[in-house]
């Protein structure tokens, strides 16, 4: 337990931030898993419709500081590349 007033406030802020970050990271992972299942099931039309939403989720995670800039960029590139590969096979 914090001994100073400012340390107690910092602890409260950390709890709020941690819960917010965990929720964002959870939605980020969940949406990516949904996309990857569509890709593995070769449902390219559904994956194509979901792609803008995936990009939005990745960008939001980066903006909120949950995912680093280059990691977000790399993930967006990987997602697009996977979709293009599956679409070209079909």
Protein backbone atom coordinates (compact mmCIF):
# COMPACT_ATOMS: atom_id res chain seq x y z
CA UNK A 1 0.00 0.00 0.00
CA UNK A 2 1.22 3.49 -0.83
CA UNK A 3 2.50 5.69 1.99
CA UNK A 4 2.12 9.05 0.23
CA UNK A 5 -0.93 10.70 -1.24
CA UNK A 6 0.70 11.04 -4.66
CA UNK A 7 1.76 7.38 -4.64
CA UNK A 8 -1.81 6.33 -3.86
CA UNK A 9 -3.09 8.43 -6.75
CA UNK A 10 -0.45 6.92 -9.04
CA UNK A 11 -1.56 3.43 -8.00
CA UNK A 12 -5.20 4.27 -8.81
CA UNK A 13 -4.17 5.65 -12.20
CA UNK A 14 -2.14 2.54 -12.93
CA UNK A 15 -5.12 0.31 -12.21
CA UNK A 16 -7.30 2.30 -14.63
CA UNK A 17 -4.65 2.30 -17.33
CA UNK A 18 -3.92 -1.40 -16.92
CA UNK A 19 -7.58 -2.37 -17.29
CA UNK A 20 -7.97 -0.11 -20.33
CA UNK A 21 -4.83 -1.50 -21.97
CA UNK A 22 -5.85 -5.09 -21.26
CA UNK A 23 -9.24 -4.52 -22.84
CA UNK A 24 -7.68 -2.94 -25.93
CA UNK A 25 -5.12 -5.71 -26.29
CA UNK A 26 -7.83 -8.32 -25.86
CA UNK A 27 -10.00 -6.86 -28.63
CA UNK A 28 -6.90 -6.50 -30.83
CA UNK A 29 -6.06 -10.18 -30.43
CA UNK A 30 -9.66 -11.33 -30.79
CA UNK A 31 -10.21 -9.45 -34.04
CA UNK A 32 -6.95 -10.78 -35.47
CA UNK A 33 -7.97 -14.34 -34.55
CA UNK A 34 -11.32 -13.85 -36.30
CA UNK A 35 -9.50 -12.68 -39.42
CA UNK A 36 -7.02 -15.56 -39.33
CA UNK A 37 -9.80 -18.13 -38.99
CA UNK A 38 -11.48 -16.64 -42.07
CA UNK A 39 -8.17 -16.88 -43.92
CA UNK A 40 -7.60 -20.52 -42.92
CA UNK A 41 -11.15 -21.40 -43.94
CA UNK A 42 -10.49 -19.64 -47.27
CA UNK A 43 -13.48 -17.29 -46.91
CA UNK A 44 -11.89 -14.49 -48.90
CA UNK A 45 -15.05 -12.41 -49.39
CA UNK A 46 -15.70 -12.21 -45.65
CA UNK A 47 -12.04 -11.54 -44.94
CA UNK A 48 -12.03 -8.79 -47.57
CA UNK A 49 -14.99 -7.12 -45.83
CA UNK A 50 -13.28 -7.45 -42.45
CA UNK A 51 -9.94 -6.00 -43.61
CA UNK A 52 -10.78 -2.29 -43.09
CA UNK A 53 -12.03 -3.09 -39.60
CA UNK A 54 -8.82 -5.00 -38.84
CA UNK A 55 -6.73 -2.04 -39.99
CA UNK A 56 -8.83 0.24 -37.78
CA UNK A 57 -8.34 -2.01 -34.75
CA UNK A 58 -4.58 -2.19 -35.34
CA UNK A 59 -4.33 1.59 -35.76
CA UNK A 60 -6.37 2.18 -32.61
CA UNK A 61 -4.15 -0.19 -30.62
CA UNK A 62 -1.13 1.73 -31.85
CA UNK A 63 -2.68 5.12 -31.11
CA UNK A 64 -3.52 4.10 -27.56
CA UNK A 65 0.03 2.83 -27.00
CA UNK A 66 -0.79 -0.87 -26.68
CA UNK A 67 1.17 -1.86 -29.80
CA UNK A 68 4.38 -0.17 -30.98
CA UNK A 69 4.33 1.74 -34.28
CA UNK A 70 6.47 -0.66 -36.29
CA UNK A 71 4.70 -3.72 -34.89
CA UNK A 72 1.35 -2.26 -35.96
CA UNK A 73 2.69 -1.48 -39.42
CA UNK A 74 4.16 -4.96 -39.73
CA UNK A 75 0.90 -6.61 -38.63
CA UNK A 76 -1.14 -4.58 -41.15
CA UNK A 77 1.27 -5.63 -43.88
CA UNK A 78 1.13 -9.29 -42.86
CA UNK A 79 -2.66 -9.28 -42.79
CA UNK A 80 -2.91 -7.73 -46.24
CA UNK A 81 -0.30 -10.09 -47.64
CA UNK A 82 -2.10 -13.15 -46.26
CA UNK A 83 -5.38 -12.01 -47.76
CA UNK A 84 -3.79 -11.38 -51.16
CA UNK A 85 -2.13 -14.81 -51.15
CA UNK A 86 -5.38 -16.59 -50.34
CA UNK A 87 -7.31 -14.51 -52.87
CA UNK A 88 -4.80 -15.30 -55.63
CA UNK A 89 -5.06 -19.04 -54.91
CA UNK A 90 -8.84 -19.04 -55.20
